[in-house]
Structure formats: structure tokens, C-alpha cells
Amino acid sequence: MDNTDKKKSGFMQWLTEDDSPEIGIASKEPIGDYFKGVQTEFKKIQWPDKEQVKSEFLTVVIIVAIISVIVYFIDLGLDKIIGFIKG
């Protein structure tokens, strides 16, 4: 084993290996094939219906409102406590 083999053994050899995944931009496939794959996967998406979107939107709005009220009362309480301590 000469010096060049020693430099490429172990960690350095592992570091320089080309083991990038064979998908997406990281691969060496043409960009057109990549976008054809994206289009194929995009067709597999199952979009929610209008009623599901409304229901989940309403749920998020209610949860945000509840958390906002909780944070408001915590802030109000801490303000009173700090005001009491300051005198």
C-alpha cells in the first residue's frame, strides 16, 4: 500500500464515496425525468373535500382562541403579581 492508498482508506474513503440517493435533484437523472416523477406523485395526492376543510379550519380557530384566552389570563395574573411585588 503506497501513500495515496493510505490517504484514501478509512474515514477519507467513506467521506469521498458517491452514495447519494438516486431520487430527486441529488441524483444524476435528467431534470425532465425528475419533474415527470413529481407530476406522477402529485396525482396521488388525495385532497380534502370542502366540508373537511371547513371543519378543520373551525377546529384550529377554536383552539387558537382558547389558547389566546389562557395566555391572556396568565399574562394578566403575572402583571398583577409583579405589580403587587413592586408595590
N, C-alpha and C. Protein backbone atom coordinates (compact mmCIF):
# COMPACT_ATOMS: atom_id res chain seq x y z
N MET A 1 0.86 -1.18 0.00
CA MET A 1 0.00 0.00 0.00
C MET A 1 0.90 1.24 0.00
N ASP A 2 0.74 2.12 -1.00
CA ASP A 2 1.55 3.33 -1.03
C ASP A 2 0.83 4.47 -0.33
N ASN A 3 1.41 5.67 -0.36
CA ASN A 3 0.85 6.81 0.38
C ASN A 3 -0.54 7.22 -0.11
N THR A 4 -0.78 7.12 -1.43
CA THR A 4 -2.09 7.52 -1.93
C THR A 4 -3.18 6.57 -1.44
N ASP A 5 -2.87 5.27 -1.30
CA ASP A 5 -3.84 4.32 -0.77
C ASP A 5 -4.13 4.59 0.70
N LYS A 6 -3.10 4.98 1.44
CA LYS A 6 -3.29 5.28 2.87
C LYS A 6 -4.19 6.50 3.05
N LYS A 7 -4.03 7.50 2.16
CA LYS A 7 -4.84 8.71 2.27
C LYS A 7 -6.30 8.43 1.98
N LYS A 8 -6.60 7.46 1.15
CA LYS A 8 -7.97 7.16 0.76
C LYS A 8 -8.59 6.02 1.55
N SER A 9 -7.95 5.55 2.56
CA SER A 9 -8.51 4.45 3.33
C SER A 9 -9.27 4.99 4.54
N GLY A 10 -10.16 4.18 5.05
CA GLY A 10 -10.87 4.53 6.28
C GLY A 10 -11.87 5.65 6.08
N PHE A 11 -11.80 6.61 6.97
CA PHE A 11 -12.75 7.71 7.01
C PHE A 11 -12.76 8.53 5.73
N MET A 12 -11.57 8.84 5.20
CA MET A 12 -11.50 9.66 3.99
C MET A 12 -12.12 8.94 2.80
N GLN A 13 -11.96 7.65 2.72
CA GLN A 13 -12.56 6.90 1.62
C GLN A 13 -14.08 6.96 1.74
N TRP A 14 -14.58 6.77 2.95
CA TRP A 14 -16.01 6.83 3.19
C TRP A 14 -16.55 8.22 2.86
N LEU A 15 -15.78 9.25 3.22
CA LEU A 15 -16.20 10.62 3.02
C LEU A 15 -16.32 10.97 1.55
N THR A 16 -15.46 10.39 0.72
CA THR A 16 -15.45 10.75 -0.70
C THR A 16 -16.29 9.82 -1.57
N GLU A 17 -16.91 8.80 -0.99
CA GLU A 17 -17.74 7.89 -1.77
C GLU A 17 -18.98 8.61 -2.27
N ASP A 18 -19.40 8.26 -3.49
CA ASP A 18 -20.61 8.85 -4.05
C ASP A 18 -21.77 7.90 -3.78
N ASP A 19 -22.46 8.13 -2.68
CA ASP A 19 -23.59 7.27 -2.34
C ASP A 19 -24.88 8.09 -2.22
N SER A 20 -24.97 9.15 -3.04
CA SER A 20 -26.16 9.98 -3.00
C SER A 20 -27.37 9.17 -3.46
N PRO A 21 -28.53 9.46 -2.91
CA PRO A 21 -29.72 8.70 -3.29
C PRO A 21 -30.04 8.93 -4.77
N GLU A 22 -30.66 7.96 -5.35
CA GLU A 22 -30.97 8.04 -6.78
C GLU A 22 -32.37 8.62 -7.01
N ILE A 23 -32.73 9.63 -6.23
CA ILE A 23 -34.02 10.28 -6.42
C ILE A 23 -33.82 11.77 -6.38
N GLY A 24 -34.73 12.49 -6.96
CA GLY A 24 -34.74 13.94 -6.86
C GLY A 24 -33.55 14.61 -7.50
N ILE A 25 -33.30 15.82 -7.08
CA ILE A 25 -32.24 16.65 -7.64
C ILE A 25 -30.86 16.07 -7.33
N ALA A 26 -30.72 15.34 -6.22
CA ALA A 26 -29.41 14.81 -5.83
C ALA A 26 -28.91 13.73 -6.78
N SER A 27 -29.80 13.17 -7.58
CA SER A 27 -29.38 12.10 -8.48
C SER A 27 -28.88 12.69 -9.79
N LYS A 28 -28.44 11.82 -10.62
CA LYS A 28 -27.89 12.25 -11.89
C LYS A 28 -28.89 12.07 -13.03
N GLU A 29 -30.19 11.93 -12.69
CA GLU A 29 -31.21 11.78 -13.70
C GLU A 29 -31.50 13.13 -14.34
N PRO A 30 -31.96 13.13 -15.58
CA PRO A 30 -32.30 14.40 -16.25
C PRO A 30 -33.41 15.13 -15.50
N ILE A 31 -33.39 16.45 -15.58
CA ILE A 31 -34.35 17.26 -14.83
C ILE A 31 -35.78 17.00 -15.31
N GLY A 32 -35.95 16.66 -16.59
CA GLY A 32 -37.29 16.35 -17.11
C GLY A 32 -37.87 15.12 -16.45
N ASP A 33 -37.03 14.10 -16.21
CA ASP A 33 -37.50 12.89 -15.53
C ASP A 33 -37.90 13.20 -14.10
N TYR A 34 -37.17 14.10 -13.48
CA TYR A 34 -37.50 14.49 -12.10
C TYR A 34 -38.90 15.10 -12.04
N PHE A 35 -39.18 16.03 -12.97
CA PHE A 35 -40.49 16.69 -12.95
C PHE A 35 -41.61 15.74 -13.36
N LYS A 36 -41.32 14.76 -14.20
CA LYS A 36 -42.33 13.74 -14.53
C LYS A 36 -42.67 12.94 -13.27
N GLY A 37 -41.66 12.63 -12.47
CA GLY A 37 -41.89 11.93 -11.21
C GLY A 37 -42.70 12.76 -10.24
N VAL A 38 -42.40 14.07 -10.19
CA VAL A 38 -43.15 14.97 -9.32
C VAL A 38 -44.62 15.00 -9.76
N GLN A 39 -44.85 15.07 -11.07
CA GLN A 39 -46.21 15.10 -11.58
C GLN A 39 -46.96 13.80 -11.24
N THR A 40 -46.26 12.67 -11.37
CA THR A 40 -46.88 11.38 -11.04
C THR A 40 -47.26 11.33 -9.56
N GLU A 41 -46.36 11.76 -8.68
CA GLU A 41 -46.65 11.75 -7.24
C GLU A 41 -47.75 12.76 -6.91
N PHE A 42 -47.77 13.89 -7.62
CA PHE A 42 -48.78 14.91 -7.36
C PHE A 42 -50.18 14.38 -7.65
N LYS A 43 -50.31 13.51 -8.65
CA LYS A 43 -51.61 12.93 -8.98
C LYS A 43 -52.10 11.98 -7.90
N LYS A 44 -51.22 11.48 -7.06
CA LYS A 44 -51.59 10.54 -6.00
C LYS A 44 -52.16 11.24 -4.76
N ILE A 45 -52.03 12.55 -4.70
CA ILE A 45 -52.49 13.30 -3.53
C ILE A 45 -54.01 13.24 -3.44
N GLN A 46 -54.52 12.96 -2.27
CA GLN A 46 -55.96 12.96 -2.04
C GLN A 46 -56.32 14.24 -1.30
N TRP A 47 -56.89 15.19 -2.04
CA TRP A 47 -57.23 16.47 -1.47
C TRP A 47 -58.48 16.34 -0.60
N PRO A 48 -58.54 17.10 0.51
CA PRO A 48 -59.73 17.03 1.37
C PRO A 48 -60.91 17.71 0.69
N ASP A 49 -62.11 17.28 1.07
CA ASP A 49 -63.30 17.91 0.50
C ASP A 49 -63.60 19.21 1.26
N LYS A 50 -64.56 19.96 0.75
CA LYS A 50 -64.88 21.28 1.30
C LYS A 50 -65.31 21.20 2.76
N GLU A 51 -66.12 20.20 3.10
CA GLU A 51 -66.61 20.05 4.47
C GLU A 51 -65.47 19.75 5.45
N GLN A 52 -64.52 18.93 5.04
CA GLN A 52 -63.39 18.61 5.91
C GLN A 52 -62.53 19.85 6.15
N VAL A 53 -62.32 20.65 5.11
CA VAL A 53 -61.53 21.88 5.25
C VAL A 53 -62.23 22.84 6.21
N LYS A 54 -63.55 23.00 6.06
CA LYS A 54 -64.30 23.88 6.96
C LYS A 54 -64.20 23.40 8.41
N SER A 55 -64.38 22.11 8.60
CA SER A 55 -64.35 21.54 9.95
C SER A 55 -62.98 21.73 10.61
N GLU A 56 -61.94 21.42 9.87
CA GLU A 56 -60.59 21.54 10.44
C GLU A 56 -60.21 23.00 10.66
N PHE A 57 -60.65 23.89 9.77
CA PHE A 57 -60.40 25.32 9.95
C PHE A 57 -61.07 25.82 11.22
N LEU A 58 -62.32 25.44 11.41
CA LEU A 58 -63.05 25.85 12.61
C LEU A 58 -62.38 25.31 13.87
N THR A 59 -61.91 24.08 13.82
CA THR A 59 -61.22 23.49 14.97
C THR A 59 -59.96 24.28 15.31
N VAL A 60 -59.19 24.64 14.30
CA VAL A 60 -57.97 25.42 14.53
C VAL A 60 -58.30 26.78 15.12
N VAL A 61 -59.32 27.45 14.59
CA VAL A 61 -59.70 28.77 15.10
C VAL A 61 -60.13 28.68 16.56
N ILE A 62 -60.90 27.67 16.91
CA ILE A 62 -61.35 27.50 18.30
C ILE A 62 -60.17 27.23 19.23
N ILE A 63 -59.26 26.35 18.82
CA ILE A 63 -58.09 26.04 19.66
C ILE A 63 -57.22 27.27 19.85
N VAL A 64 -57.01 28.03 18.78
CA VAL A 64 -56.20 29.26 18.89
C VAL A 64 -56.88 30.26 19.82
N ALA A 65 -58.20 30.38 19.74
CA ALA A 65 -58.93 31.30 20.61
C ALA A 65 -58.80 30.88 22.07
N ILE A 66 -58.94 29.59 22.35
CA ILE A 66 -58.83 29.10 23.73
C ILE A 66 -57.43 29.35 24.28
N ILE A 67 -56.42 29.02 23.49
CA ILE A 67 -55.03 29.24 23.94
C ILE A 67 -54.76 30.73 24.15
N SER A 68 -55.31 31.58 23.27
CA SER A 68 -55.13 33.02 23.42
C SER A 68 -55.74 33.53 24.72
N VAL A 69 -56.91 33.03 25.07
CA VAL A 69 -57.56 33.44 26.33
C VAL A 69 -56.73 32.97 27.52
N ILE A 70 -56.23 31.75 27.47
CA ILE A 70 -55.39 31.22 28.56
C ILE A 70 -54.13 32.07 28.73
N VAL A 71 -53.46 32.38 27.62
CA VAL A 71 -52.25 33.21 27.68
C VAL A 71 -52.58 34.60 28.20
N TYR A 72 -53.72 35.16 27.80
CA TYR A 72 -54.13 36.47 28.28
C TYR A 72 -54.29 36.48 29.80
N PHE A 73 -54.97 35.46 30.34
CA PHE A 73 -55.18 35.42 31.79
C PHE A 73 -53.88 35.15 32.54
N ILE A 74 -53.00 34.36 31.98
CA ILE A 74 -51.68 34.15 32.61
C ILE A 74 -50.92 35.47 32.63
N ASP A 75 -50.95 36.21 31.52
CA ASP A 75 -50.26 37.50 31.45
C ASP A 75 -50.87 38.49 32.43
N LEU A 76 -52.19 38.51 32.52
CA LEU A 76 -52.87 39.41 33.45
C LEU A 76 -52.49 39.06 34.89
N GLY A 77 -52.47 37.76 35.20
CA GLY A 77 -52.11 37.34 36.55
C GLY A 77 -50.67 37.69 36.90
N LEU A 78 -49.75 37.43 35.97
CA LEU A 78 -48.34 37.78 36.23
C LEU A 78 -48.17 39.28 36.38
N ASP A 79 -48.93 40.07 35.60
CA ASP A 79 -48.87 41.53 35.73
C ASP A 79 -49.32 41.97 37.12
N LYS A 80 -50.38 41.35 37.62
CA LYS A 80 -50.88 41.69 38.97
C LYS A 80 -49.84 41.29 40.03
N ILE A 81 -49.25 40.10 39.87
CA ILE A 81 -48.25 39.63 40.85
C ILE A 81 -47.04 40.55 40.85
N ILE A 82 -46.54 40.90 39.67
CA ILE A 82 -45.37 41.79 39.60
C ILE A 82 -45.72 43.17 40.13
N GLY A 83 -46.95 43.66 39.84
CA GLY A 83 -47.38 44.95 40.37
C GLY A 83 -47.47 44.94 41.88
N PHE A 84 -47.92 43.82 42.45
CA PHE A 84 -48.01 43.68 43.90
C PHE A 84 -46.62 43.64 44.53
N ILE A 85 -45.68 42.93 43.89
CA ILE A 85 -44.31 42.83 44.43
C ILE A 85 -43.63 44.19 44.37
N LYS A 86 -43.81 44.92 43.28
CA LYS A 86 -43.17 46.24 43.14
C LYS A 86 -43.75 47.25 44.13
N GLY A 87 -45.00 47.05 44.47
CA GLY A 87 -45.63 47.91 45.48
C GLY A 87 -46.31 49.04 44.87
